[in-house]
Amino acid sequence: MKELIELVAKSLVDNPEMVEVNQITNNTSVILEVKVAPDDMGRIIGKRGKIARAIRTVAKAAATKEGVKVSVEISC
């Protein structure tokens, strides 16, 4: 799941080398922290949050397959 979100984020931004995805795993949930360069925040969030919402939807679909809950946090 981490690799999937990292691939999506790197394909959206201008500075793919600045993308970091950290995975924090609890008993039944996973938190994915996506960090990008400050200049790329607009690209990763999108207008009205559409891209961020799409990233979260993809993560939830992958998490459902694994049987866990997922949360995606985006920061710079």
PDB file of N, CA and C in Angstrom:
ATOM      1  N   MET A   1       0.832  -1.186   0.000  1.00  0.00           N
ATOM      2  CA  MET A   1       0.000   0.000   0.000  1.00  0.00           C
ATOM      3  C   MET A   1       0.881   1.255   0.000  1.00  0.00           C
ATOM      4  N   LYS A   2       1.939   1.241   0.799  1.00  0.00           N
ATOM      5  CA  LYS A   2       2.853   2.377   0.872  1.00  0.00           C
ATOM      6  C   LYS A   2       3.477   2.648  -0.498  1.00  0.00           C
ATOM      7  N   GLU A   3       3.882   1.593  -1.184  1.00  0.00           N
ATOM      8  CA  GLU A   3       4.523   1.748  -2.486  1.00  0.00           C
ATOM      9  C   GLU A   3       3.556   2.321  -3.518  1.00  0.00           C
ATOM     10  N   LEU A   4       2.293   1.918  -3.430  1.00  0.00           N
ATOM     11  CA  LEU A   4       1.272   2.418  -4.353  1.00  0.00           C
ATOM     12  C   LEU A   4       1.070   3.921  -4.184  1.00  0.00           C
ATOM     13  N   ILE A   5       0.921   4.366  -2.956  1.00  0.00           N
ATOM     14  CA  ILE A   5       0.714   5.796  -2.697  1.00  0.00           C
ATOM     15  C   ILE A   5       1.955   6.590  -3.063  1.00  0.00           C
ATOM     16  N   GLU A   6       3.124   6.021  -2.807  1.00  0.00           N
ATOM     17  CA  GLU A   6       4.372   6.699  -3.168  1.00  0.00           C
ATOM     18  C   GLU A   6       4.491   6.857  -4.681  1.00  0.00           C
ATOM     19  N   LEU A   7       4.120   5.839  -5.434  1.00  0.00           N
ATOM     20  CA  LEU A   7       4.150   5.902  -6.890  1.00  0.00           C
ATOM     21  C   LEU A   7       3.192   6.966  -7.420  1.00  0.00           C
ATOM     22  N   VAL A   8       1.990   7.008  -6.875  1.00  0.00           N
ATOM     23  CA  VAL A   8       0.998   7.998  -7.303  1.00  0.00           C
ATOM     24  C   VAL A   8       1.494   9.414  -6.991  1.00  0.00           C
ATOM     25  N   ALA A   9       1.998   9.621  -5.775  1.00  0.00           N
ATOM     26  CA  ALA A   9       2.458  10.948  -5.375  1.00  0.00           C
ATOM     27  C   ALA A   9       3.644  11.413  -6.214  1.00  0.00           C
ATOM     28  N   LYS A  10       4.580  10.518  -6.472  1.00  0.00           N
ATOM     29  CA  LYS A  10       5.757  10.889  -7.267  1.00  0.00           C
ATOM     30  C   LYS A  10       5.388  11.242  -8.704  1.00  0.00           C
ATOM     31  N   SER A  11       4.341  10.614  -9.227  1.00  0.00           N
ATOM     32  CA  SER A  11       3.940  10.913 -10.604  1.00  0.00           C
ATOM     33  C   SER A  11       3.197  12.246 -10.717  1.00  0.00           C
ATOM     34  N   LEU A  12       2.726  12.796  -9.593  1.00  0.00           N
ATOM     35  CA  LEU A  12       1.960  14.041  -9.630  1.00  0.00           C
ATOM     36  C   LEU A  12       2.804  15.295  -9.421  1.00  0.00           C
ATOM     37  N   VAL A  13       3.930  15.187  -8.741  1.00  0.00           N
ATOM     38  CA  VAL A  13       4.681  16.366  -8.312  1.00  0.00           C
ATOM     39  C   VAL A  13       5.826  16.696  -9.260  1.00  0.00           C
ATOM     40  N   ASP A  14       6.365  17.915  -9.119  1.00  0.00           N
ATOM     41  CA  ASP A  14       7.523  18.342  -9.911  1.00  0.00           C
ATOM     42  C   ASP A  14       8.837  17.833  -9.329  1.00  0.00           C
ATOM     43  N   ASN A  15       8.869  17.628  -8.006  1.00  0.00           N
ATOM     44  CA  ASN A  15      10.080  17.160  -7.327  1.00  0.00           C
ATOM     45  C   ASN A  15       9.839  15.775  -6.729  1.00  0.00           C
ATOM     46  N   PRO A  16       9.892  14.717  -7.544  1.00  0.00           N
ATOM     47  CA  PRO A  16       9.601  13.386  -7.010  1.00  0.00           C
ATOM     48  C   PRO A  16      10.624  12.897  -5.984  1.00  0.00           C
ATOM     49  N   GLU A  17      11.821  13.445  -6.013  1.00  0.00           N
ATOM     50  CA  GLU A  17      12.836  13.022  -5.046  1.00  0.00           C
ATOM     51  C   GLU A  17      12.524  13.531  -3.641  1.00  0.00           C
ATOM     52  N   MET A  18      11.644  14.515  -3.508  1.00  0.00           N
ATOM     53  CA  MET A  18      11.273  15.071  -2.201  1.00  0.00           C
ATOM     54  C   MET A  18      10.079  14.348  -1.566  1.00  0.00           C
ATOM     55  N   VAL A  19       9.483  13.399  -2.272  1.00  0.00           N
ATOM     56  CA  VAL A  19       8.316  12.688  -1.753  1.00  0.00           C
ATOM     57  C   VAL A  19       8.761  11.624  -0.749  1.00  0.00           C
ATOM     58  N   GLU A  20       8.146  11.650   0.425  1.00  0.00           N
ATOM     59  CA  GLU A  20       8.384  10.639   1.464  1.00  0.00           C
ATOM     60  C   GLU A  20       7.036  10.099   1.917  1.00  0.00           C
ATOM     61  N   VAL A  21       6.943   8.790   2.048  1.00  0.00           N
ATOM     62  CA  VAL A  21       5.726   8.170   2.568  1.00  0.00           C
ATOM     63  C   VAL A  21       6.124   7.309   3.758  1.00  0.00           C
ATOM     64  N   ASN A  22       5.603   7.642   4.925  1.00  0.00           N
ATOM     65  CA  ASN A  22       5.850   6.873   6.140  1.00  0.00           C
ATOM     66  C   ASN A  22       4.589   6.105   6.493  1.00  0.00           C
ATOM     67  N   GLN A  23       4.767   4.851   6.872  1.00  0.00           N
ATOM     68  CA  GLN A  23       3.630   4.006   7.228  1.00  0.00           C
ATOM     69  C   GLN A  23       3.686   3.689   8.715  1.00  0.00           C
ATOM     70  N   ILE A  24       2.610   4.019   9.409  1.00  0.00           N
ATOM     71  CA  ILE A  24       2.474   3.711  10.831  1.00  0.00           C
ATOM     72  C   ILE A  24       1.345   2.695  10.955  1.00  0.00           C
ATOM     73  N   THR A  25       1.664   1.520  11.501  1.00  0.00           N
ATOM     74  CA  THR A  25       0.696   0.439  11.575  1.00  0.00           C
ATOM     75  C   THR A  25       0.271   0.193  13.018  1.00  0.00           C
ATOM     76  N   ASN A  26      -1.034   0.183  13.241  1.00  0.00           N
ATOM     77  CA  ASN A  26      -1.619  -0.191  14.525  1.00  0.00           C
ATOM     78  C   ASN A  26      -2.224  -1.580  14.375  1.00  0.00           C
ATOM     79  N   ASN A  27      -3.061  -1.990  15.309  1.00  0.00           N
ATOM     80  CA  ASN A  27      -3.672  -3.319  15.248  1.00  0.00           C
ATOM     81  C   ASN A  27      -4.489  -3.524  13.979  1.00  0.00           C
ATOM     82  N   THR A  28      -5.452  -2.650  13.738  1.00  0.00           N
ATOM     83  CA  THR A  28      -6.337  -2.821  12.578  1.00  0.00           C
ATOM     84  C   THR A  28      -6.352  -1.597  11.678  1.00  0.00           C
ATOM     85  N   SER A  29      -5.405  -0.694  11.854  1.00  0.00           N
ATOM     86  CA  SER A  29      -5.404   0.498  11.014  1.00  0.00           C
ATOM     87  C   SER A  29      -3.982   0.859  10.583  1.00  0.00           C
ATOM     88  N   VAL A  30      -3.915   1.596   9.494  1.00  0.00           N
ATOM     89  CA  VAL A  30      -2.650   2.048   8.938  1.00  0.00           C
ATOM     90  C   VAL A  30      -2.757   3.540   8.670  1.00  0.00           C
ATOM     91  N   ILE A  31      -1.743   4.288   9.070  1.00  0.00           N
ATOM     92  CA  ILE A  31      -1.676   5.713   8.776  1.00  0.00           C
ATOM     93  C   ILE A  31      -0.528   5.918   7.802  1.00  0.00           C
ATOM     94  N   LEU A  32      -0.824   6.537   6.671  1.00  0.00           N
ATOM     95  CA  LEU A  32       0.191   6.852   5.682  1.00  0.00           C
ATOM     96  C   LEU A  32       0.426   8.355   5.699  1.00  0.00           C
ATOM     97  N   GLU A  33       1.641   8.766   6.023  1.00  0.00           N
ATOM     98  CA  GLU A  33       2.006  10.174   6.036  1.00  0.00           C
ATOM     99  C   GLU A  33       2.762  10.482   4.752  1.00  0.00           C
ATOM    100  N   VAL A  34       2.190  11.330   3.927  1.00  0.00           N
ATOM    101  CA  VAL A  34       2.809  11.715   2.662  1.00  0.00           C
ATOM    102  C   VAL A  34       3.401  13.103   2.826  1.00  0.00           C
ATOM    103  N   LYS A  35       4.707  13.219   2.628  1.00  0.00           N
ATOM    104  CA  LYS A  35       5.379  14.514   2.719  1.00  0.00           C
ATOM    105  C   LYS A  35       5.927  14.875   1.348  1.00  0.00           C
ATOM    106  N   VAL A  36       5.627  16.111   0.918  1.00  0.00           N
ATOM    107  CA  VAL A  36       6.093  16.607  -0.372  1.00  0.00           C
ATOM    108  C   VAL A  36       6.748  17.970  -0.169  1.00  0.00           C
ATOM    109  N   ALA A  37       7.396  18.463  -1.201  1.00  0.00           N
ATOM    110  CA  ALA A  37       7.997  19.788  -1.146  1.00  0.00           C
ATOM    111  C   ALA A  37       6.892  20.837  -1.035  1.00  0.00           C
ATOM    112  N   PRO A  38       7.171  21.962  -0.361  1.00  0.00           N
ATOM    113  CA  PRO A  38       6.137  23.006  -0.212  1.00  0.00           C
ATOM    114  C   PRO A  38       5.575  23.499  -1.548  1.00  0.00           C
ATOM    115  N   ASP A  39       6.407  23.523  -2.590  1.00  0.00           N
ATOM    116  CA  ASP A  39       5.933  23.970  -3.909  1.00  0.00           C
ATOM    117  C   ASP A  39       4.952  22.985  -4.538  1.00  0.00           C
ATOM    118  N   ASP A  40       4.971  21.739  -4.107  1.00  0.00           N
ATOM    119  CA  ASP A  40       4.125  20.713  -4.701  1.00  0.00           C
ATOM    120  C   ASP A  40       2.831  20.453  -3.934  1.00  0.00           C
ATOM    121  N   MET A  41       2.591  21.182  -2.859  1.00  0.00           N
ATOM    122  CA  MET A  41       1.370  20.953  -2.072  1.00  0.00           C
ATOM    123  C   MET A  41       0.111  21.153  -2.913  1.00  0.00           C
ATOM    124  N   GLY A  42       0.104  22.172  -3.742  1.00  0.00           N
ATOM    125  CA  GLY A  42      -1.054  22.431  -4.595  1.00  0.00           C
ATOM    126  C   GLY A  42      -1.297  21.317  -5.591  1.00  0.00           C
ATOM    127  N   ARG A  43      -0.227  20.732  -6.088  1.00  0.00           N
ATOM    128  CA  ARG A  43      -0.366  19.648  -7.056  1.00  0.00           C
ATOM    129  C   ARG A  43      -0.893  18.375  -6.407  1.00  0.00           C
ATOM    130  N   ILE A  44      -0.480  18.103  -5.197  1.00  0.00           N
ATOM    131  CA  ILE A  44      -0.886  16.859  -4.538  1.00  0.00           C
ATOM    132  C   ILE A  44      -2.298  16.974  -3.954  1.00  0.00           C
ATOM    133  N   ILE A  45      -2.729  18.188  -3.631  1.00  0.00           N
ATOM    134  CA  ILE A  45      -4.076  18.381  -3.094  1.00  0.00           C
ATOM    135  C   ILE A  45      -5.084  18.597  -4.216  1.00  0.00           C
ATOM    136  N   GLY A  46      -4.726  19.383  -5.202  1.00  0.00           N
ATOM    137  CA  GLY A  46      -5.618  19.626  -6.323  1.00  0.00           C
ATOM    138  C   GLY A  46      -6.681  20.660  -5.997  1.00  0.00           C
ATOM    139  N   LYS A  47      -7.438  21.041  -7.015  1.00  0.00           N
ATOM    140  CA  LYS A  47      -8.505  22.017  -6.812  1.00  0.00           C
ATOM    141  C   LYS A  47      -9.603  21.400  -5.965  1.00  0.00           C
ATOM    142  N   ARG A  48      -9.948  22.122  -4.900  1.00  0.00           N
ATOM    143  CA  ARG A  48     -10.981  21.686  -3.952  1.00  0.00           C
ATOM    144  C   ARG A  48     -10.682  20.311  -3.350  1.00  0.00           C
ATOM    145  N   GLY A  49      -9.416  19.899  -3.360  1.00  0.00           N
ATOM    146  CA  GLY A  49      -9.032  18.644  -2.739  1.00  0.00           C
ATOM    147  C   GLY A  49      -9.364  17.397  -3.533  1.00  0.00           C
ATOM    148  N   LYS A  50      -9.620  17.550  -4.820  1.00  0.00           N
ATOM    149  CA  LYS A  50     -10.031  16.404  -5.626  1.00  0.00           C
ATOM    150  C   LYS A  50      -8.948  15.345  -5.742  1.00  0.00           C
ATOM    151  N   ILE A  51      -7.703  15.766  -5.937  1.00  0.00           N
ATOM    152  CA  ILE A  51      -6.619  14.792  -6.080  1.00  0.00           C
ATOM    153  C   ILE A  51      -6.352  14.100  -4.750  1.00  0.00           C
ATOM    154  N   ALA A  52      -6.345  14.860  -3.662  1.00  0.00           N
ATOM    155  CA  ALA A  52      -6.145  14.266  -2.338  1.00  0.00           C
ATOM    156  C   ALA A  52      -7.256  13.261  -2.038  1.00  0.00           C
ATOM    157  N   ARG A  53      -8.473  13.590  -2.396  1.00  0.00           N
ATOM    158  CA  ARG A  53      -9.603  12.681  -2.183  1.00  0.00           C
ATOM    159  C   ARG A  53      -9.430  11.412  -3.010  1.00  0.00           C
ATOM    160  N   ALA A  54      -8.927  11.563  -4.245  1.00  0.00           N
ATOM    161  CA  ALA A  54      -8.699  10.396  -5.106  1.00  0.00           C
ATOM    162  C   ALA A  54      -7.593   9.505  -4.542  1.00  0.00           C
ATOM    163  N   ILE A  55      -6.538  10.112  -4.002  1.00  0.00           N
ATOM    164  CA  ILE A  55      -5.458   9.333  -3.380  1.00  0.00           C
ATOM    165  C   ILE A  55      -6.003   8.553  -2.186  1.00  0.00           C
ATOM    166  N   ARG A  56      -6.827   9.197  -1.386  1.00  0.00           N
ATOM    167  CA  ARG A  56      -7.418   8.518  -0.228  1.00  0.00           C
ATOM    168  C   ARG A  56      -8.339   7.376  -0.665  1.00  0.00           C
ATOM    169  N   THR A  57      -9.063   7.569  -1.753  1.00  0.00           N
ATOM    170  CA  THR A  57      -9.944   6.516  -2.266  1.00  0.00           C
ATOM    171  C   THR A  57      -9.147   5.307  -2.726  1.00  0.00           C
ATOM    172  N   VAL A  58      -8.041   5.542  -3.419  1.00  0.00           N
ATOM    173  CA  VAL A  58      -7.179   4.446  -3.865  1.00  0.00           C
ATOM    174  C   VAL A  58      -6.602   3.704  -2.657  1.00  0.00           C
ATOM    175  N   ALA A  59      -6.175   4.460  -1.653  1.00  0.00           N
ATOM    176  CA  ALA A  59      -5.622   3.840  -0.444  1.00  0.00           C
ATOM    177  C   ALA A  59      -6.677   3.007   0.271  1.00  0.00           C
ATOM    178  N   LYS A  60      -7.911   3.508   0.346  1.00  0.00           N
ATOM    179  CA  LYS A  60      -8.978   2.761   1.014  1.00  0.00           C
ATOM    180  C   LYS A  60      -9.328   1.489   0.248  1.00  0.00           C
ATOM    181  N   ALA A  61      -9.263   1.547  -1.081  1.00  0.00           N
ATOM    182  CA  ALA A  61      -9.529   0.354  -1.884  1.00  0.00           C
ATOM    183  C   ALA A  61      -8.453  -0.703  -1.639  1.00  0.00           C
ATOM    184  N   ALA A  62      -7.208  -0.284  -1.571  1.00  0.00           N
ATOM    185  CA  ALA A  62      -6.115  -1.228  -1.298  1.00  0.00           C
ATOM    186  C   ALA A  62      -6.211  -1.766   0.123  1.00  0.00           C
ATOM    187  N   ALA A  63      -6.623  -0.939   1.065  1.00  0.00           N
ATOM    188  CA  ALA A  63      -6.743  -1.360   2.462  1.00  0.00           C
ATOM    189  C   ALA A  63      -7.891  -2.352   2.640  1.00  0.00           C
ATOM    190  N   THR A  64      -8.963  -2.158   1.921  1.00  0.00           N
ATOM    191  CA  THR A  64     -10.090  -3.076   2.001  1.00  0.00           C
ATOM    192  C   THR A  64      -9.675  -4.467   1.557  1.00  0.00           C
ATOM    193  N   LYS A  65      -8.831  -4.513   0.553  1.00  0.00           N
ATOM    194  CA  LYS A  65      -8.331  -5.787   0.062  1.00  0.00           C
ATOM    195  C   LYS A  65      -7.512  -6.505   1.125  1.00  0.00           C
ATOM    196  N   GLU A  66      -6.797  -5.724   1.951  1.00  0.00           N
ATOM    197  CA  GLU A  66      -5.972  -6.290   3.021  1.00  0.00           C
ATOM    198  C   GLU A  66      -6.741  -6.436   4.333  1.00  0.00           C
ATOM    199  N   GLY A  67      -7.929  -5.873   4.409  1.00  0.00           N
ATOM    200  CA  GLY A  67      -8.755  -5.996   5.600  1.00  0.00           C
ATOM    201  C   GLY A  67      -8.380  -5.060   6.737  1.00  0.00           C
ATOM    202  N   VAL A  68      -7.846  -3.872   6.416  1.00  0.00           N
ATOM    203  CA  VAL A  68      -7.483  -2.892   7.442  1.00  0.00           C
ATOM    204  C   VAL A  68      -8.096  -1.541   7.086  1.00  0.00           C
ATOM    205  N   LYS A  69      -8.101  -0.634   8.051  1.00  0.00           N
ATOM    206  CA  LYS A  69      -8.532   0.730   7.795  1.00  0.00           C
ATOM    207  C   LYS A  69      -7.302   1.576   7.508  1.00  0.00           C
ATOM    208  N   VAL A  70      -7.463   2.581   6.664  1.00  0.00           N
ATOM    209  CA  VAL A  70      -6.311   3.419   6.298  1.00  0.00           C
ATOM    210  C   VAL A  70      -6.682   4.884   6.405  1.00  0.00           C
ATOM    211  N   SER A  71      -5.686   5.669   6.748  1.00  0.00           N
ATOM    212  CA  SER A  71      -5.823   7.126   6.808  1.00  0.00           C
ATOM    213  C   SER A  71      -4.610   7.720   6.095  1.00  0.00           C
ATOM    214  N   VAL A  72      -4.837   8.691   5.229  1.00  0.00           N
ATOM    215  CA  VAL A  72      -3.747   9.336   4.498  1.00  0.00           C
ATOM    216  C   VAL A  72      -3.650  10.782   4.946  1.00  0.00           C
ATOM    217  N   GLU A  73      -2.470  11.147   5.417  1.00  0.00           N
ATOM    218  CA  GLU A  73      -2.201  12.518   5.848  1.00  0.00           C
ATOM    219  C   GLU A  73      -1.172  13.123   4.912  1.00  0.00           C
ATOM    220  N   ILE A  74      -1.454  14.329   4.415  1.00  0.00           N
ATOM    221  CA  ILE A  74      -0.565  14.993   3.468  1.00  0.00           C
ATOM    222  C   ILE A  74       0.022  16.234   4.123  1.00  0.00           C
ATOM    223  N   SER A  75       1.345  16.387   4.046  1.00  0.00           N
ATOM    224  CA  SER A  75       2.006  17.565   4.632  1.00  0.00           C
ATOM    225  C   SER A  75       3.240  17.908   3.815  1.00  0.00           C
ATOM    226  N   CYS A  76       3.833  19.045   4.159  1.00  0.00           N
ATOM    227  CA  CYS A  76       5.068  19.435   3.486  1.00  0.00           C
ATOM    228  C   CYS A  76       6.217  19.497   4.459  1.00  0.00           C
TER     229      CYS A  76
END
